[in-house]
Structures are given as structure tokens and as C-alpha cells.
């Protein structure tokens, strides 16, 4: 019988992924304790836009995970409070010239074969979907499966719905192991918590937590900024971005990359992303990034040129070298599971990740092939 200091599973991280792990694990009948050194959604989740995208993923394991998550998000939207601001708004990906339109058409053909819904929108029909979109674009594709949530609220409500115990403001300083190296719990400054399973859902800090468990998981932070405008009427109806955003997502470059992603919100402000650069955990405000984002956003939506930016915020995407998250048991430490490394897709991929972790814990058949996400793929072979 679990006590106040023991449970079946300890989830480290109270962001969106950790909340999803807790939610699906408790639905599987397990007792769960969630531990975080900060607040709920205090890390990457609270600095995200809430993207739930299939449009930016090429056919393969991540797209399969995204399609499963899209279905689970639709289910969650019916069971969680409306305050999560789930919007099945759809995405619109646009090309600036005929060559870009051809490349986007080929990309979309592969996605359709993998189960993605996409409708080609000719240049002369783009303003039917987005009346304020710039003139002169070569066309685009509408993705009705793309959606959005308010990430911090979604994480908080999902964690509450899990009925997991939460221990906030407690940092996991080490993992406890038994005689055979198996996990037996964690240690925090407040004391010892016991469990036979620990889930690493520490986001951009997942590599550090892995090191505290004595293993290497090469998670690196990739910084991104978001601009937030003053509240506006709904001038942007969908999630709109230029086709080169897909290439930036797939790039492993450490250098600064920016490609405008523009979307309205139910509260009124327009969110403008996205930038990517590997600078460690440096939060220094970058005027160059903000200038480039603003210029790219106004190139897509000239109406935004006269709109005030009210604030900006930075976050750190948990980046792994092959652009796939680590999901599942660590072969080096029995009882340790990883659920991190989703980069900028963590909000969207969280439900499927949580479900897979719960299936591992319950000994059930995973809903998708988890081989490509195995944490052991980074283990050096001698």
C-alpha cells in the first residue's frame, strides 16, 4: 500500500509531458507522485505557444506519434475544462514562390500517404482563409488537423485531472537504486520518495537528470523567443507559417534560425515565433531575433506592422541529435524511463508520450512502434 512517501511511479517534471505521463499512468491504475523543482509548467511548457501540429512533420515515427496525439488531444478537449483553450483551428502553410510551392506539394504528398489531411489552396484563394495575408504568395496547404492549446493551463488541468500527488519546489538531487542497480526512488532536499519506477520528464533538463541517474542522454537546450502583440480582433484565423519553417525544425544547426509562425489566440494577442539557436541556458534578450521575427511576421501579415508588441518571452526546447524524443525504459537502469527530448513539439506530442509511458509501466502493447524513440539508441557500443 503506497504511503505519503511511496508510490508506484515518480514522474520528475510538472510540465505538459510530465502531466500527461501522470494522467495516463493513474488511468492505468498506478499511484503517481509528480516532483518538480519549480512550479507546474514552470519550464519549457510555460514558454511555449501551445502548438499541436502534424503539418510540420515528414512521414516517419514522429508523425505517427503526432497523429496519435492529435486524436488523444481531441478526447482530452472533451474531458478537460474549456480553460485549456483547445482550438481545432487548422494550419496554413504558405509558399512565397513557385519553386517553394512545388517543394511543399511534394512534401504534402508524402504526408497524405501517412494519414495527414491536407488541402492545396491556390494563390487566389489564400485570402478566403486569411483575409489579411500578404499579396503575391504562390499558394499553400491547409491542414485541418493542426490545433492549439494554452500550454500552461492545459498542463495544470491535466495534472489536476490525474489526481497524482504533486511535490513542487523540490529538486531531485539523486536517484536511489537497489543492490542490482534498479531504481528504488529519488532523493530531494525534503527527504526520500520511494517508487520502483521513475520517469524523466524534465524537458530541457532531462540530460542533467539522466546524469544524476548515472547515464548519458544527450539532451541539449535550444533557445527560442516568442513575441506577443497587444490584444486584437481575430486578424489571424489559423496557425500560419512559411514553408521554410519545416526545414528549420529539421535542422541540427546551432546557429540562429528564424521563420515566422503567426497565430491569433482566443484572448486577442497574436503570437509570433519561431526562432532556434543553441546557446546553452542563456536567457539574454536578443534584439536581432526579435527584429527578424517581426520582419518575417509583417511580411506575411502587413496589418501587423502597426501593431504594438507588448512582451516577449524565451524558452528552451529539449533537443536530441536525431530530432526524436526519448520515450521508454532506459536499458542501463532498470526502472528508469525517459519522456523528454521533444524539442518544440512537446505540447503536441505529450498525450501520446504519456500513453506510451503508461503502457510500458502496465506491461501493455504500445500503441505505436516505440523502437525509434528508445533511449538506448544513444548508448555507445564498444
Protein backbone atom coordinates (compact mmCIF):
# COMPACT_ATOMS: atom_id res chain seq x y z
CA UNK A 1 0.00 0.00 0.00
CA UNK A 2 1.57 3.33 -1.08
CA UNK A 3 2.25 5.81 1.70
CA UNK A 4 2.74 9.56 1.58
CA UNK A 5 6.39 8.95 0.68
CA UNK A 6 5.87 6.00 -1.65
CA UNK A 7 4.03 5.35 -4.88
CA UNK A 8 4.16 3.11 -7.92
CA UNK A 9 5.71 5.78 -10.13
CA UNK A 10 7.59 9.05 -9.61
CA UNK A 11 7.38 11.48 -12.52
CA UNK A 12 10.10 14.13 -12.48
CA UNK A 13 8.79 17.23 -14.21
CA UNK A 14 5.45 19.04 -13.90
CA UNK A 15 5.30 20.34 -17.45
CA UNK A 16 2.99 19.14 -20.20
CA UNK A 17 4.80 15.85 -20.78
CA UNK A 18 5.04 15.07 -17.07
CA UNK A 19 1.35 15.87 -16.60
CA UNK A 20 0.45 13.53 -19.47
CA UNK A 21 2.60 10.75 -18.03
CA UNK A 22 0.87 11.18 -14.67
CA UNK A 23 -2.60 11.29 -16.25
CA UNK A 24 -2.29 8.11 -18.28
CA UNK A 25 -0.41 6.24 -15.53
CA UNK A 26 -3.16 6.92 -12.99
CA UNK A 27 -5.75 5.88 -15.58
CA UNK A 28 -3.84 2.59 -15.79
CA UNK A 29 -4.41 2.13 -12.05
CA UNK A 30 -0.98 3.23 -10.81
CA UNK A 31 -0.29 5.61 -7.93
CA UNK A 32 1.83 8.55 -9.10
CA UNK A 33 3.87 11.29 -7.45
CA UNK A 34 4.97 14.23 -9.60
CA UNK A 35 8.07 16.11 -8.41
CA UNK A 36 9.34 19.41 -9.80
CA UNK A 37 11.92 21.85 -8.52
CA UNK A 38 9.68 24.72 -9.65
CA UNK A 39 6.02 25.28 -10.40
CA UNK A 40 3.60 23.50 -12.71
CA UNK A 41 4.55 24.43 -16.28
CA UNK A 42 7.46 26.46 -14.91
CA UNK A 43 9.94 25.36 -17.60
CA UNK A 44 9.60 24.83 -21.35
CA UNK A 45 5.82 24.35 -21.19
CA UNK A 46 5.17 27.82 -19.81
CA UNK A 47 7.29 29.39 -22.55
CA UNK A 48 5.60 27.62 -25.45
CA UNK A 49 2.92 28.60 -27.95
CA UNK A 50 0.80 25.50 -27.46
CA UNK A 51 1.32 24.08 -30.94
CA UNK A 52 -0.41 20.79 -31.74
CA UNK A 53 0.97 20.21 -35.24
CA UNK A 54 1.03 17.47 -37.82
CA UNK A 55 1.76 19.86 -40.69
CA UNK A 56 5.47 20.28 -39.94
CA UNK A 57 6.35 16.58 -39.71
CA UNK A 58 7.55 14.36 -42.52
CA UNK A 59 6.35 10.74 -42.74
CA UNK A 60 8.03 8.63 -40.08
CA UNK A 61 7.96 7.89 -36.34
CA UNK A 62 7.36 11.45 -35.13
CA UNK A 63 4.41 11.96 -37.47
CA UNK A 64 2.92 8.67 -36.29
CA UNK A 65 3.26 9.91 -32.73
CA UNK A 66 1.72 13.27 -33.68
CA UNK A 67 -1.30 11.66 -35.32
CA UNK A 68 -1.92 9.55 -32.22
CA UNK A 69 -1.57 12.65 -30.06
CA UNK A 70 -3.96 14.62 -32.26
CA UNK A 71 -6.63 12.00 -31.58
CA UNK A 72 -5.87 11.98 -27.84
CA UNK A 73 -5.97 15.79 -27.69
CA UNK A 74 -9.45 15.73 -29.20
CA UNK A 75 -10.50 13.32 -26.45
CA UNK A 76 -8.89 15.45 -23.75
CA UNK A 77 -10.61 18.57 -25.07
CA UNK A 78 -13.96 16.97 -24.21
CA UNK A 79 -12.93 15.91 -20.70
CA UNK A 80 -10.83 18.88 -19.53
CA UNK A 81 -12.23 22.36 -18.74
CA UNK A 82 -12.59 24.87 -21.60
CA UNK A 83 -9.91 26.99 -19.92
CA UNK A 84 -7.26 24.90 -21.70
CA UNK A 85 -8.30 26.91 -24.81
CA UNK A 86 -8.19 23.98 -27.19
CA UNK A 87 -8.79 25.26 -30.70
CA UNK A 88 -9.02 22.98 -33.73
CA UNK A 89 -8.12 25.99 -35.84
CA UNK A 90 -6.13 24.22 -38.53
CA UNK A 91 -2.84 25.30 -40.04
CA UNK A 92 -2.00 27.16 -43.22
CA UNK A 93 1.46 26.69 -44.72
CA UNK A 94 2.31 29.15 -47.48
CA UNK A 95 4.97 29.33 -50.17
CA UNK A 96 6.44 32.59 -51.42
CA UNK A 97 7.36 31.45 -54.95
CA UNK A 98 6.52 28.65 -57.43
CA UNK A 99 9.61 26.62 -56.51
CA UNK A 100 8.59 26.70 -52.86
CA UNK A 101 5.05 25.71 -53.80
CA UNK A 102 6.35 22.71 -55.76
CA UNK A 103 8.51 21.59 -52.83
CA UNK A 104 5.58 21.97 -50.45
CA UNK A 105 3.36 19.97 -52.82
CA UNK A 106 5.85 17.06 -52.82
CA UNK A 107 6.22 17.22 -49.04
CA UNK A 108 2.45 17.14 -48.59
CA UNK A 109 2.04 14.18 -50.95
CA UNK A 110 4.19 12.08 -48.62
CA UNK A 111 2.26 13.26 -45.58
CA UNK A 112 -1.08 12.35 -47.13
CA UNK A 113 0.18 8.81 -47.65
CA UNK A 114 0.87 8.68 -43.89
CA UNK A 115 -2.63 9.81 -42.88
CA UNK A 116 -2.36 13.59 -42.83
CA UNK A 117 -5.25 15.64 -44.18
CA UNK A 118 -4.08 18.48 -46.41
CA UNK A 119 -5.86 20.60 -49.00
CA UNK A 120 -3.99 22.62 -51.58
CA UNK A 121 -5.02 26.29 -51.60
CA UNK A 122 -4.28 28.18 -54.84
CA UNK A 123 -2.78 31.64 -54.56
CA UNK A 124 -6.06 33.33 -55.44
CA UNK A 125 -7.88 31.55 -52.62
CA UNK A 126 -5.46 32.17 -49.76
CA UNK A 127 -7.33 35.27 -48.62
CA UNK A 128 -10.52 33.18 -48.30
CA UNK A 129 -8.82 31.55 -45.34
CA UNK A 130 -6.76 34.53 -44.17
CA UNK A 131 -8.14 37.89 -45.38
CA UNK A 132 -5.14 39.85 -44.07
CA UNK A 133 -2.47 37.66 -45.65
CA UNK A 134 0.09 39.41 -47.87
CA UNK A 135 -0.44 39.54 -51.61
CA UNK A 136 1.88 37.81 -54.05
CA UNK A 137 2.25 34.42 -52.34
CA UNK A 138 2.40 31.39 -54.63
CA UNK A 139 -0.11 29.22 -52.76
CA UNK A 140 -0.25 26.97 -49.75
CA UNK A 141 -1.80 24.00 -48.00
CA UNK A 142 -4.48 23.91 -45.32
CA UNK A 143 -4.03 21.31 -42.56
CA UNK A 144 -7.31 20.86 -40.64
CA UNK A 145 -5.72 18.55 -38.03
CA UNK A 146 -3.46 21.29 -36.64
CA UNK A 147 -4.70 22.73 -33.34
CA UNK A 148 -3.62 24.78 -30.34
CA UNK A 149 -3.97 24.89 -26.55
CA UNK A 150 -2.91 27.33 -23.86
CA UNK A 151 0.03 25.20 -22.69
CA UNK A 152 0.39 26.23 -19.05
CA UNK A 153 -3.33 25.92 -18.38
CA UNK A 154 -3.54 22.64 -20.27
CA UNK A 155 -0.69 21.18 -18.22
CA UNK A 156 -2.22 22.38 -14.95
CA UNK A 157 -5.67 20.99 -15.70
CA UNK A 158 -4.30 17.68 -16.99
CA UNK A 159 -2.16 17.28 -13.88
CA UNK A 160 -5.16 18.06 -11.68
CA UNK A 161 -7.27 15.54 -13.58
CA UNK A 162 -4.62 12.88 -12.98
CA UNK A 163 -5.14 13.02 -9.20
CA UNK A 164 -1.40 12.44 -8.82
CA UNK A 165 0.35 13.69 -5.71
CA UNK A 166 2.45 16.75 -6.50
CA UNK A 167 5.65 17.85 -4.78
CA UNK A 168 6.53 21.29 -6.13
CA UNK A 169 9.62 23.28 -5.23
CA UNK A 170 11.58 20.07 -4.63
CA UNK A 171 14.58 19.27 -6.80
CA UNK A 172 15.55 15.65 -7.38
CA UNK A 173 19.19 15.57 -6.35
CA UNK A 174 19.78 11.87 -6.99
CA UNK A 175 18.10 8.60 -7.84
CA UNK A 176 18.11 5.78 -5.33
CA UNK A 177 18.99 2.29 -6.51
CA UNK A 178 18.98 -1.21 -5.06
CA UNK A 179 21.57 -3.94 -4.93
CA UNK A 180 21.17 -4.79 -8.62
CA UNK A 181 21.14 -1.16 -9.77
CA UNK A 182 17.36 -1.00 -10.05
CA UNK A 183 15.50 2.22 -9.22
CA UNK A 184 14.01 2.41 -5.74
CA UNK A 185 13.13 6.11 -5.56
CA UNK A 186 14.58 9.62 -5.54
CA UNK A 187 16.15 11.95 -3.03
CA UNK A 188 15.18 15.61 -2.66
CA UNK A 189 16.21 18.19 -0.06
CA UNK A 190 12.92 17.45 1.67
CA UNK A 191 13.63 13.74 2.02
CA UNK A 192 13.32 10.42 0.24
CA UNK A 193 10.49 9.34 -2.06
CA UNK A 194 10.14 5.65 -2.85
CA UNK A 195 8.95 4.03 -6.07
CA UNK A 196 10.08 1.17 -8.33
CA UNK A 197 9.75 3.40 -11.38
CA UNK A 198 10.98 6.92 -12.13
CA UNK A 199 10.02 8.82 -15.29
CA UNK A 200 12.39 11.51 -16.54
CA UNK A 201 10.04 14.20 -17.89
CA UNK A 202 12.44 17.04 -17.06
CA UNK A 203 12.36 18.60 -20.53
CA UNK A 204 15.44 20.60 -21.43
CA UNK A 205 16.96 19.49 -18.11
CA UNK A 206 16.38 15.82 -18.94
CA UNK A 207 20.06 15.30 -19.71
CA UNK A 208 21.04 16.59 -16.28
CA UNK A 209 18.54 14.29 -14.55
CA UNK A 210 19.87 11.36 -16.57
CA UNK A 211 23.39 12.18 -15.39
CA UNK A 212 22.15 12.14 -11.81
CA UNK A 213 20.95 8.62 -12.55
CA UNK A 214 24.43 7.74 -13.82
CA UNK A 215 23.58 7.57 -17.53
CA UNK A 216 24.11 9.79 -20.56
CA UNK A 217 21.19 11.16 -22.54
CA UNK A 218 22.40 13.94 -24.88
CA UNK A 219 19.55 16.43 -24.34
CA UNK A 220 20.61 20.00 -25.16
CA UNK A 221 18.61 23.23 -24.78
CA UNK A 222 17.66 25.05 -27.97
CA UNK A 223 16.53 28.60 -27.20
CA UNK A 224 13.50 30.19 -28.81
CA UNK A 225 11.72 33.54 -28.49
CA UNK A 226 8.05 34.42 -28.90
CA UNK A 227 6.64 37.90 -29.49
CA UNK A 228 3.21 38.71 -28.05
CA UNK A 229 1.19 41.59 -29.51
CA UNK A 230 -1.46 43.75 -27.94
CA UNK A 231 -4.98 42.23 -27.99
CA UNK A 232 -6.55 42.42 -31.44
CA UNK A 233 -9.71 41.39 -33.24
CA UNK A 234 -9.22 37.99 -34.89
CA UNK A 235 -6.94 39.12 -37.71
CA UNK A 236 -5.19 35.72 -37.90
CA UNK A 237 -7.58 32.78 -38.06
CA UNK A 238 -5.25 29.81 -38.42
CA UNK A 239 -1.74 28.89 -37.44
CA UNK A 240 0.13 30.37 -40.39
CA UNK A 241 3.75 29.84 -41.31
CA UNK A 242 6.06 29.91 -44.30
CA UNK A 243 7.22 26.61 -45.77
CA UNK A 244 10.85 27.17 -44.70
CA UNK A 245 9.78 26.63 -41.07
CA UNK A 246 9.71 22.88 -41.75
CA UNK A 247 13.38 22.94 -42.79
CA UNK A 248 14.31 24.89 -39.66
CA UNK A 249 12.57 22.34 -37.44
CA UNK A 250 14.55 19.52 -39.06
CA UNK A 251 17.89 21.34 -38.97
CA UNK A 252 20.55 20.43 -36.45
CA UNK A 253 22.40 23.71 -36.81
CA UNK A 254 23.44 25.50 -33.63
CA UNK A 255 23.23 28.85 -35.42
CA UNK A 256 20.32 31.25 -35.20
CA UNK A 257 17.37 30.37 -37.42
CA UNK A 258 14.10 32.27 -37.64
CA UNK A 259 10.97 31.51 -39.63
CA UNK A 260 7.69 33.23 -38.85
CA UNK A 261 4.85 31.29 -37.26
CA UNK A 262 1.87 33.58 -36.68
CA UNK A 263 -1.38 32.81 -34.90
CA UNK A 264 -4.19 34.51 -33.06
CA UNK A 265 -5.43 33.47 -29.64
CA UNK A 266 -8.88 33.45 -28.01
CA UNK A 267 -7.69 36.18 -25.64
CA UNK A 268 -6.78 38.52 -28.52
CA UNK A 269 -2.97 38.77 -28.69
CA UNK A 270 -1.17 37.41 -31.72
CA UNK A 271 1.76 35.08 -31.02
CA UNK A 272 4.80 35.35 -33.29
CA UNK A 273 7.56 32.73 -33.33
CA UNK A 274 9.74 30.91 -34.06
CA UNK A 275 13.47 31.13 -33.51
CA UNK A 276 16.01 28.41 -32.80
CA UNK A 277 19.60 28.60 -31.57
CA UNK A 278 21.82 26.57 -29.27
CA UNK A 279 23.30 28.95 -26.69
CA UNK A 280 23.01 26.81 -23.57
CA UNK A 281 20.62 28.15 -20.94
CA UNK A 282 21.32 31.80 -21.77
CA UNK A 283 18.06 33.80 -21.48
CA UNK A 284 19.57 37.11 -22.65
CA UNK A 285 17.10 39.05 -24.76
CA UNK A 286 18.22 39.14 -28.40
CA UNK A 287 17.17 42.26 -30.31
CA UNK A 288 18.32 40.63 -33.55
CA UNK A 289 15.97 37.67 -33.06
CA UNK A 290 13.02 39.92 -32.25
CA UNK A 291 13.75 42.17 -35.25
CA UNK A 292 13.86 39.19 -37.60
CA UNK A 293 10.66 37.67 -36.21
CA UNK A 294 8.82 40.96 -36.51
CA UNK A 295 10.02 41.49 -40.08
CA UNK A 296 9.03 37.99 -41.16
CA UNK A 297 5.63 38.24 -39.46
CA UNK A 298 4.80 41.55 -41.12
CA UNK A 299 5.90 40.14 -44.47
CA UNK A 300 3.16 37.52 -44.05
CA UNK A 301 0.63 39.87 -42.45
CA UNK A 302 1.30 43.53 -43.34
CA UNK A 303 -1.54 44.56 -41.00
CA UNK A 304 0.74 43.70 -38.07
CA UNK A 305 3.26 46.43 -39.00
CA UNK A 306 1.35 49.00 -36.95
CA UNK A 307 0.59 46.68 -34.02
CA UNK A 308 2.45 47.01 -30.72
CA UNK A 309 4.42 44.09 -29.29
CA UNK A 310 3.51 44.01 -25.59
CA UNK A 311 6.05 41.48 -24.39
CA UNK A 312 8.39 38.69 -25.36
CA UNK A 313 9.50 35.52 -23.67
CA UNK A 314 12.17 32.89 -24.13
CA UNK A 315 12.11 29.15 -23.62
CA UNK A 316 14.41 26.18 -24.09
CA UNK A 317 13.38 23.31 -26.33
CA UNK A 318 14.84 19.94 -25.27
CA UNK A 319 16.84 18.95 -28.34
CA UNK A 320 18.21 15.48 -29.16
CA UNK A 321 20.64 14.98 -32.06
CA UNK A 322 18.28 12.87 -34.22
CA UNK A 323 15.25 15.13 -33.60
CA UNK A 324 13.23 12.33 -31.99
CA UNK A 325 12.23 12.24 -28.34
CA UNK A 326 13.44 9.60 -25.90
CA UNK A 327 10.42 7.61 -24.75
CA UNK A 328 10.57 4.42 -22.76
CA UNK A 329 12.75 2.36 -20.43
CA UNK A 330 16.46 3.04 -20.13
CA UNK A 331 18.25 -0.28 -20.70
CA UNK A 332 21.05 0.76 -18.35
CA UNK A 333 18.99 1.43 -15.21
CA UNK A 334 16.05 -0.90 -14.51
CA UNK A 335 13.00 1.12 -13.51
CA UNK A 336 14.16 4.38 -15.14
CA UNK A 337 12.06 5.61 -18.05
CA UNK A 338 12.59 8.70 -20.18
CA UNK A 339 9.95 11.02 -21.64
CA UNK A 340 11.91 14.01 -22.90
CA UNK A 341 13.71 15.47 -25.90
CA UNK A 342 10.63 16.51 -27.88
CA UNK A 343 12.22 19.83 -28.90
CA UNK A 344 9.44 22.23 -29.98
CA UNK A 345 6.77 19.53 -30.28
CA UNK A 346 6.39 18.57 -26.63
CA UNK A 347 2.96 20.11 -26.12
CA UNK A 348 1.59 18.39 -29.19
CA UNK A 349 3.25 15.02 -28.54
CA UNK A 350 2.61 14.91 -24.79
CA UNK A 351 -0.57 12.78 -24.74
CA UNK A 352 0.89 10.04 -26.95
CA UNK A 353 4.10 10.13 -24.89
CA UNK A 354 2.16 9.80 -21.64
CA UNK A 355 0.09 6.95 -23.04
CA UNK A 356 3.19 5.07 -24.20
CA UNK A 357 4.86 5.50 -20.81
CA UNK A 358 1.73 4.18 -19.09
CA UNK A 359 1.67 1.20 -21.47
CA UNK A 360 5.31 0.44 -20.66
CA UNK A 361 4.55 0.63 -16.94
CA UNK A 362 1.47 -1.59 -17.23
CA UNK A 363 3.16 -4.14 -19.48
CA UNK A 364 0.76 -3.44 -22.34
CA UNK A 365 1.41 -3.44 -26.08
CA UNK A 366 2.43 0.11 -27.16
CA UNK A 367 0.01 1.92 -29.47
CA UNK A 368 2.84 2.72 -31.93
CA UNK A 369 6.26 1.28 -32.67
CA UNK A 370 8.48 2.69 -29.93
CA UNK A 371 11.77 1.41 -31.32
CA UNK A 372 12.80 4.75 -32.89
CA UNK A 373 12.27 6.51 -29.55
CA UNK A 374 14.25 4.05 -27.43
CA UNK A 375 16.64 5.81 -25.01
CA UNK A 376 19.18 3.05 -25.58
CA UNK A 377 19.85 4.31 -29.12
CA UNK A 378 22.36 6.77 -27.67
CA UNK A 379 24.33 4.11 -25.81
CA UNK A 380 27.88 3.77 -27.11
CA UNK A 381 28.71 0.33 -28.46
CA UNK A 382 32.23 -0.83 -27.64
